[in-house]
Amino acid sequence: MDFYLLKNVLLYCTVINYAVLLIWFMAIRLEKTSIYHLHRRWFQLTDDRFDAIHYSGMASIDWYNDGNPTVS
């Protein structure tokens, strides 16, 4: 695998990862109540715990992206 192909693959992975992160964030911001009630059926979650789980998940994905060196 040459460097150019590896660079393009990593670029596409980064774009897909940020797209997933953006969709996740927008879903929680726009439809928090309905998503909370859906999760509440399966788990005994408080509203604060629900927020902590989702926002820490988003932060860990973002931290993982920022912690990796980019290929230029």
PDB file of N, CA and C in Angstrom:
ATOM      1  N   MET A   1       0.854  -1.179   0.000  1.00  0.00           N
ATOM      2  CA  MET A   1       0.000   0.000   0.000  1.00  0.00           C
ATOM      3  C   MET A   1       0.891   1.231   0.000  1.00  0.00           C
ATOM      4  N   ASP A   2       0.684   2.074  -0.951  1.00  0.00           N
ATOM      5  CA  ASP A   2       1.521   3.260  -1.013  1.00  0.00           C
ATOM      6  C   ASP A   2       0.977   4.360  -0.093  1.00  0.00           C
ATOM      7  N   PHE A   3       1.772   5.368   0.093  1.00  0.00           N
ATOM      8  CA  PHE A   3       1.453   6.448   1.021  1.00  0.00           C
ATOM      9  C   PHE A   3       0.208   7.218   0.595  1.00  0.00           C
ATOM     10  N   TYR A   4       0.039   7.463  -0.696  1.00  0.00           N
ATOM     11  CA  TYR A   4      -1.102   8.215  -1.197  1.00  0.00           C
ATOM     12  C   TYR A   4      -2.411   7.495  -0.897  1.00  0.00           C
ATOM     13  N   LEU A   5      -2.447   6.186  -1.096  1.00  0.00           N
ATOM     14  CA  LEU A   5      -3.649   5.406  -0.811  1.00  0.00           C
ATOM     15  C   LEU A   5      -3.953   5.408   0.684  1.00  0.00           C
ATOM     16  N   LEU A   6      -2.927   5.242   1.505  1.00  0.00           N
ATOM     17  CA  LEU A   6      -3.107   5.265   2.950  1.00  0.00           C
ATOM     18  C   LEU A   6      -3.634   6.624   3.412  1.00  0.00           C
ATOM     19  N   LYS A   7      -3.104   7.680   2.842  1.00  0.00           N
ATOM     20  CA  LYS A   7      -3.561   9.033   3.179  1.00  0.00           C
ATOM     21  C   LYS A   7      -5.033   9.204   2.850  1.00  0.00           C
ATOM     22  N   ASN A   8      -5.471   8.736   1.696  1.00  0.00           N
ATOM     23  CA  ASN A   8      -6.876   8.857   1.302  1.00  0.00           C
ATOM     24  C   ASN A   8      -7.790   8.006   2.173  1.00  0.00           C
ATOM     25  N   VAL A   9      -7.367   6.807   2.517  1.00  0.00           N
ATOM     26  CA  VAL A   9      -8.172   5.939   3.381  1.00  0.00           C
ATOM     27  C   VAL A   9      -8.350   6.586   4.743  1.00  0.00           C
ATOM     28  N   LEU A  10      -7.284   7.117   5.311  1.00  0.00           N
ATOM     29  CA  LEU A  10      -7.381   7.771   6.615  1.00  0.00           C
ATOM     30  C   LEU A  10      -8.225   9.042   6.546  1.00  0.00           C
ATOM     31  N   LEU A  11      -8.161   9.743   5.449  1.00  0.00           N
ATOM     32  CA  LEU A  11      -8.992  10.930   5.282  1.00  0.00           C
ATOM     33  C   LEU A  11     -10.469  10.548   5.253  1.00  0.00           C
ATOM     34  N   TYR A  12     -10.825   9.525   4.503  1.00  0.00           N
ATOM     35  CA  TYR A  12     -12.214   9.076   4.461  1.00  0.00           C
ATOM     36  C   TYR A  12     -12.679   8.579   5.827  1.00  0.00           C
ATOM     37  N   CYS A  13     -11.826   7.881   6.540  1.00  0.00           N
ATOM     38  CA  CYS A  13     -12.174   7.412   7.886  1.00  0.00           C
ATOM     39  C   CYS A  13     -12.437   8.596   8.820  1.00  0.00           C
ATOM     40  N   THR A  14     -11.642   9.629   8.719  1.00  0.00           N
ATOM     41  CA  THR A  14     -11.829  10.814   9.546  1.00  0.00           C
ATOM     42  C   THR A  14     -13.143  11.507   9.223  1.00  0.00           C
ATOM     43  N   VAL A  15     -13.458  11.632   7.950  1.00  0.00           N
ATOM     44  CA  VAL A  15     -14.710  12.277   7.539  1.00  0.00           C
ATOM     45  C   VAL A  15     -15.905  11.467   8.033  1.00  0.00           C
ATOM     46  N   ILE A  16     -15.855  10.164   7.885  1.00  0.00           N
ATOM     47  CA  ILE A  16     -16.947   9.302   8.346  1.00  0.00           C
ATOM     48  C   ILE A  16     -17.090   9.388   9.855  1.00  0.00           C
ATOM     49  N   ASN A  17     -15.985   9.390  10.570  1.00  0.00           N
ATOM     50  CA  ASN A  17     -16.018   9.462  12.027  1.00  0.00           C
ATOM     51  C   ASN A  17     -16.645  10.769  12.501  1.00  0.00           C
ATOM     52  N   TYR A  18     -16.260  11.884  11.903  1.00  0.00           N
ATOM     53  CA  TYR A  18     -16.855  13.166  12.279  1.00  0.00           C
ATOM     54  C   TYR A  18     -18.316  13.253  11.863  1.00  0.00           C
ATOM     55  N   ALA A  19     -18.699  12.617  10.781  1.00  0.00           N
ATOM     56  CA  ALA A  19     -20.110  12.595  10.377  1.00  0.00           C
ATOM     57  C   ALA A  19     -20.947  11.833  11.408  1.00  0.00           C
ATOM     58  N   VAL A  20     -20.446  10.702  11.869  1.00  0.00           N
ATOM     59  CA  VAL A  20     -21.142   9.936  12.907  1.00  0.00           C
ATOM     60  C   VAL A  20     -21.248  10.765  14.181  1.00  0.00           C
ATOM     61  N   LEU A  21     -20.178  11.420  14.557  1.00  0.00           N
ATOM     62  CA  LEU A  21     -20.178  12.263  15.751  1.00  0.00           C
ATOM     63  C   LEU A  21     -21.188  13.405  15.625  1.00  0.00           C
ATOM     64  N   LEU A  22     -21.250  14.041  14.475  1.00  0.00           N
ATOM     65  CA  LEU A  22     -22.188  15.133  14.255  1.00  0.00           C
ATOM     66  C   LEU A  22     -23.636  14.646  14.280  1.00  0.00           C
ATOM     67  N   ILE A  23     -23.910  13.514  13.645  1.00  0.00           N
ATOM     68  CA  ILE A  23     -25.263  12.953  13.649  1.00  0.00           C
ATOM     69  C   ILE A  23     -25.681  12.579  15.068  1.00  0.00           C
ATOM     70  N   TRP A  24     -24.774  11.966  15.815  1.00  0.00           N
ATOM     71  CA  TRP A  24     -25.059  11.593  17.201  1.00  0.00           C
ATOM     72  C   TRP A  24     -25.373  12.838  18.036  1.00  0.00           C
ATOM     73  N   PHE A  25     -24.551  13.868  17.903  1.00  0.00           N
ATOM     74  CA  PHE A  25     -24.763  15.099  18.655  1.00  0.00           C
ATOM     75  C   PHE A  25     -26.094  15.755  18.293  1.00  0.00           C
ATOM     76  N   MET A  26     -26.384  15.852  17.008  1.00  0.00           N
ATOM     77  CA  MET A  26     -27.630  16.486  16.585  1.00  0.00           C
ATOM     78  C   MET A  26     -28.846  15.672  17.020  1.00  0.00           C
ATOM     79  N   ALA A  27     -28.760  14.358  16.992  1.00  0.00           N
ATOM     80  CA  ALA A  27     -29.875  13.517  17.441  1.00  0.00           C
ATOM     81  C   ALA A  27     -30.155  13.743  18.920  1.00  0.00           C
ATOM     82  N   ILE A  28     -29.121  13.822  19.722  1.00  0.00           N
ATOM     83  CA  ILE A  28     -29.306  14.046  21.156  1.00  0.00           C
ATOM     84  C   ILE A  28     -29.821  15.460  21.408  1.00  0.00           C
ATOM     85  N   ARG A  29     -29.299  16.436  20.699  1.00  0.00           N
ATOM     86  CA  ARG A  29     -29.740  17.822  20.916  1.00  0.00           C
ATOM     87  C   ARG A  29     -31.179  18.052  20.450  1.00  0.00           C
ATOM     88  N   LEU A  30     -31.575  17.445  19.343  1.00  0.00           N
ATOM     89  CA  LEU A  30     -32.898  17.707  18.784  1.00  0.00           C
ATOM     90  C   LEU A  30     -33.988  16.780  19.320  1.00  0.00           C
ATOM     91  N   GLU A  31     -33.659  15.541  19.587  1.00  0.00           N
ATOM     92  CA  GLU A  31     -34.657  14.543  20.003  1.00  0.00           C
ATOM     93  C   GLU A  31     -34.288  13.888  21.326  1.00  0.00           C
ATOM     94  N   LYS A  32     -33.768  14.671  22.250  1.00  0.00           N
ATOM     95  CA  LYS A  32     -33.301  14.112  23.517  1.00  0.00           C
ATOM     96  C   LYS A  32     -34.412  13.400  24.280  1.00  0.00           C
ATOM     97  N   THR A  33     -35.589  13.986  24.340  1.00  0.00           N
ATOM     98  CA  THR A  33     -36.677  13.419  25.133  1.00  0.00           C
ATOM     99  C   THR A  33     -37.104  12.052  24.614  1.00  0.00           C
ATOM    100  N   SER A  34     -37.302  11.940  23.316  1.00  0.00           N
ATOM    101  CA  SER A  34     -37.740  10.655  22.769  1.00  0.00           C
ATOM    102  C   SER A  34     -36.652   9.589  22.873  1.00  0.00           C
ATOM    103  N   ILE A  35     -35.405   9.973  22.687  1.00  0.00           N
ATOM    104  CA  ILE A  35     -34.312   9.008  22.838  1.00  0.00           C
ATOM    105  C   ILE A  35     -34.164   8.598  24.294  1.00  0.00           C
ATOM    106  N   TYR A  36     -34.333   9.554  25.206  1.00  0.00           N
ATOM    107  CA  TYR A  36     -34.267   9.245  26.636  1.00  0.00           C
ATOM    108  C   TYR A  36     -35.365   8.260  27.028  1.00  0.00           C
ATOM    109  N   HIS A  37     -36.581   8.481  26.558  1.00  0.00           N
ATOM    110  CA  HIS A  37     -37.679   7.567  26.888  1.00  0.00           C
ATOM    111  C   HIS A  37     -37.463   6.182  26.290  1.00  0.00           C
ATOM    112  N   LEU A  38     -36.884   6.119  25.120  1.00  0.00           N
ATOM    113  CA  LEU A  38     -36.566   4.824  24.516  1.00  0.00           C
ATOM    114  C   LEU A  38     -35.547   4.073  25.370  1.00  0.00           C
ATOM    115  N   HIS A  39     -34.489   4.749  25.802  1.00  0.00           N
ATOM    116  CA  HIS A  39     -33.477   4.107  26.639  1.00  0.00           C
ATOM    117  C   HIS A  39     -34.014   3.805  28.032  1.00  0.00           C
ATOM    118  N   ARG A  40     -34.940   4.619  28.493  1.00  0.00           N
ATOM    119  CA  ARG A  40     -35.520   4.421  29.823  1.00  0.00           C
ATOM    120  C   ARG A  40     -36.321   3.119  29.892  1.00  0.00           C
ATOM    121  N   ARG A  41     -36.839   2.652  28.770  1.00  0.00           N
ATOM    122  CA  ARG A  41     -37.547   1.370  28.747  1.00  0.00           C
ATOM    123  C   ARG A  41     -36.622   0.209  29.100  1.00  0.00           C
ATOM    124  N   TRP A  42     -35.365   0.309  28.690  1.00  0.00           N
ATOM    125  CA  TRP A  42     -34.424  -0.789  28.880  1.00  0.00           C
ATOM    126  C   TRP A  42     -33.599  -0.651  30.143  1.00  0.00           C
ATOM    127  N   PHE A  43     -33.259   0.566  30.522  1.00  0.00           N
ATOM    128  CA  PHE A  43     -32.349   0.808  31.646  1.00  0.00           C
ATOM    129  C   PHE A  43     -32.977   1.791  32.619  1.00  0.00           C
ATOM    130  N   GLN A  44     -32.588   1.684  33.880  1.00  0.00           N
ATOM    131  CA  GLN A  44     -33.012   2.644  34.897  1.00  0.00           C
ATOM    132  C   GLN A  44     -32.028   3.810  34.891  1.00  0.00           C
ATOM    133  N   LEU A  45     -32.311   4.792  34.066  1.00  0.00           N
ATOM    134  CA  LEU A  45     -31.416   5.935  33.900  1.00  0.00           C
ATOM    135  C   LEU A  45     -32.070   7.203  34.412  1.00  0.00           C
ATOM    136  N   THR A  46     -31.302   7.999  35.112  1.00  0.00           N
ATOM    137  CA  THR A  46     -31.760   9.350  35.411  1.00  0.00           C
ATOM    138  C   THR A  46     -31.397  10.235  34.221  1.00  0.00           C
ATOM    139  N   ASP A  47     -31.986  11.391  34.177  1.00  0.00           N
ATOM    140  CA  ASP A  47     -31.703  12.320  33.082  1.00  0.00           C
ATOM    141  C   ASP A  47     -30.234  12.742  33.089  1.00  0.00           C
ATOM    142  N   ASP A  48     -29.683  12.981  34.274  1.00  0.00           N
ATOM    143  CA  ASP A  48     -28.273  13.370  34.375  1.00  0.00           C
ATOM    144  C   ASP A  48     -27.346  12.245  33.921  1.00  0.00           C
ATOM    145  N   ARG A  49     -27.678  11.021  34.280  1.00  0.00           N
ATOM    146  CA  ARG A  49     -26.847   9.876  33.884  1.00  0.00           C
ATOM    147  C   ARG A  49     -26.896   9.675  32.367  1.00  0.00           C
ATOM    148  N   PHE A  50     -28.073   9.858  31.795  1.00  0.00           N
ATOM    149  CA  PHE A  50     -28.228   9.759  30.340  1.00  0.00           C
ATOM    150  C   PHE A  50     -27.331  10.771  29.631  1.00  0.00           C
ATOM    151  N   ASP A  51     -27.363  12.017  30.107  1.00  0.00           N
ATOM    152  CA  ASP A  51     -26.503  13.049  29.526  1.00  0.00           C
ATOM    153  C   ASP A  51     -25.033  12.699  29.685  1.00  0.00           C
ATOM    154  N   ALA A  52     -24.659  12.221  30.865  1.00  0.00           N
ATOM    155  CA  ALA A  52     -23.252  11.886  31.116  1.00  0.00           C
ATOM    156  C   ALA A  52     -22.766  10.778  30.198  1.00  0.00           C
ATOM    157  N   ILE A  53     -23.583   9.775  29.984  1.00  0.00           N
ATOM    158  CA  ILE A  53     -23.196   8.664  29.111  1.00  0.00           C
ATOM    159  C   ILE A  53     -22.987   9.141  27.679  1.00  0.00           C
ATOM    160  N   HIS A  54     -23.940   9.893  27.156  1.00  0.00           N
ATOM    161  CA  HIS A  54     -23.841  10.301  25.754  1.00  0.00           C
ATOM    162  C   HIS A  54     -22.756  11.336  25.516  1.00  0.00           C
ATOM    163  N   TYR A  55     -22.658  12.340  26.372  1.00  0.00           N
ATOM    164  CA  TYR A  55     -21.650  13.371  26.137  1.00  0.00           C
ATOM    165  C   TYR A  55     -20.236  12.870  26.418  1.00  0.00           C
ATOM    166  N   SER A  56     -20.081  11.936  27.358  1.00  0.00           N
ATOM    167  CA  SER A  56     -18.743  11.367  27.555  1.00  0.00           C
ATOM    168  C   SER A  56     -18.373  10.456  26.386  1.00  0.00           C
ATOM    169  N   GLY A  57     -19.362   9.795  25.803  1.00  0.00           N
ATOM    170  CA  GLY A  57     -19.101   8.999  24.597  1.00  0.00           C
ATOM    171  C   GLY A  57     -18.667   9.863  23.433  1.00  0.00           C
ATOM    172  N   MET A  58     -19.331  10.993  23.264  1.00  0.00           N
ATOM    173  CA  MET A  58     -18.947  11.928  22.199  1.00  0.00           C
ATOM    174  C   MET A  58     -17.552  12.498  22.448  1.00  0.00           C
ATOM    175  N   ALA A  59     -17.271  12.817  23.703  1.00  0.00           N
ATOM    176  CA  ALA A  59     -15.949  13.373  24.032  1.00  0.00           C
ATOM    177  C   ALA A  59     -14.855  12.348  23.806  1.00  0.00           C
ATOM    178  N   SER A  60     -15.127  11.082  24.104  1.00  0.00           N
ATOM    179  CA  SER A  60     -14.088  10.063  23.914  1.00  0.00           C
ATOM    180  C   SER A  60     -13.805   9.842  22.434  1.00  0.00           C
ATOM    181  N   ILE A  61     -14.832   9.930  21.584  1.00  0.00           N
ATOM    182  CA  ILE A  61     -14.597   9.816  20.149  1.00  0.00           C
ATOM    183  C   ILE A  61     -13.781  11.005  19.662  1.00  0.00           C
ATOM    184  N   ASP A  62     -14.124  12.200  20.119  1.00  0.00           N
ATOM    185  CA  ASP A  62     -13.397  13.396  19.709  1.00  0.00           C
ATOM    186  C   ASP A  62     -11.964  13.367  20.247  1.00  0.00           C
ATOM    187  N   TRP A  63     -11.783  12.907  21.472  1.00  0.00           N
ATOM    188  CA  TRP A  63     -10.443  12.800  22.046  1.00  0.00           C
ATOM    189  C   TRP A  63      -9.611  11.802  21.260  1.00  0.00           C
ATOM    190  N   TYR A  64     -10.210  10.711  20.858  1.00  0.00           N
ATOM    191  CA  TYR A  64      -9.492   9.707  20.071  1.00  0.00           C
ATOM    192  C   TYR A  64      -9.032  10.302  18.747  1.00  0.00           C
ATOM    193  N   ASN A  65      -9.895  11.091  18.106  1.00  0.00           N
ATOM    194  CA  ASN A  65      -9.518  11.726  16.834  1.00  0.00           C
ATOM    195  C   ASN A  65      -8.385  12.714  17.034  1.00  0.00           C
ATOM    196  N   ASP A  66      -8.446  13.518  18.105  1.00  0.00           N
ATOM    197  CA  ASP A  66      -7.425  14.541  18.328  1.00  0.00           C
ATOM    198  C   ASP A  66      -6.107  13.933  18.795  1.00  0.00           C
ATOM    199  N   GLY A  67      -6.151  12.760  19.382  1.00  0.00           N
ATOM    200  CA  GLY A  67      -4.940  12.134  19.885  1.00  0.00           C
ATOM    201  C   GLY A  67      -4.105  11.454  18.815  1.00  0.00           C
ATOM    202  N   ASN A  68      -4.683  11.204  17.654  1.00  0.00           N
ATOM    203  CA  ASN A  68      -3.969  10.524  16.582  1.00  0.00           C
ATOM    204  C   ASN A  68      -3.332  11.545  15.642  1.00  0.00           C
ATOM    205  N   PRO A  69      -2.096  11.307  15.269  1.00  0.00           N
ATOM    206  CA  PRO A  69      -1.468  12.236  14.318  1.00  0.00           C
ATOM    207  C   PRO A  69      -2.108  12.121  12.944  1.00  0.00           C
ATOM    208  N   THR A  70      -2.211  13.225  12.262  1.00  0.00           N
ATOM    209  CA  THR A  70      -2.789  13.210  10.930  1.00  0.00           C
ATOM    210  C   THR A  70      -1.698  13.033   9.889  1.00  0.00           C
ATOM    211  N   VAL A  71      -2.085  12.485   8.780  1.00  0.00           N
ATOM    212  CA  VAL A  71      -1.151  12.289   7.675  1.00  0.00           C
ATOM    213  C   VAL A  71      -1.313  13.458   6.730  1.00  0.00           C
ATOM    214  N   SER A  72      -0.224  14.130   6.417  1.00  0.00           N
ATOM    215  CA  SER A  72      -0.333  15.265   5.501  1.00  0.00           C
ATOM    216  C   SER A  72       0.565  15.074   4.300  1.00  0.00           C
TER     217      SER A  72
END
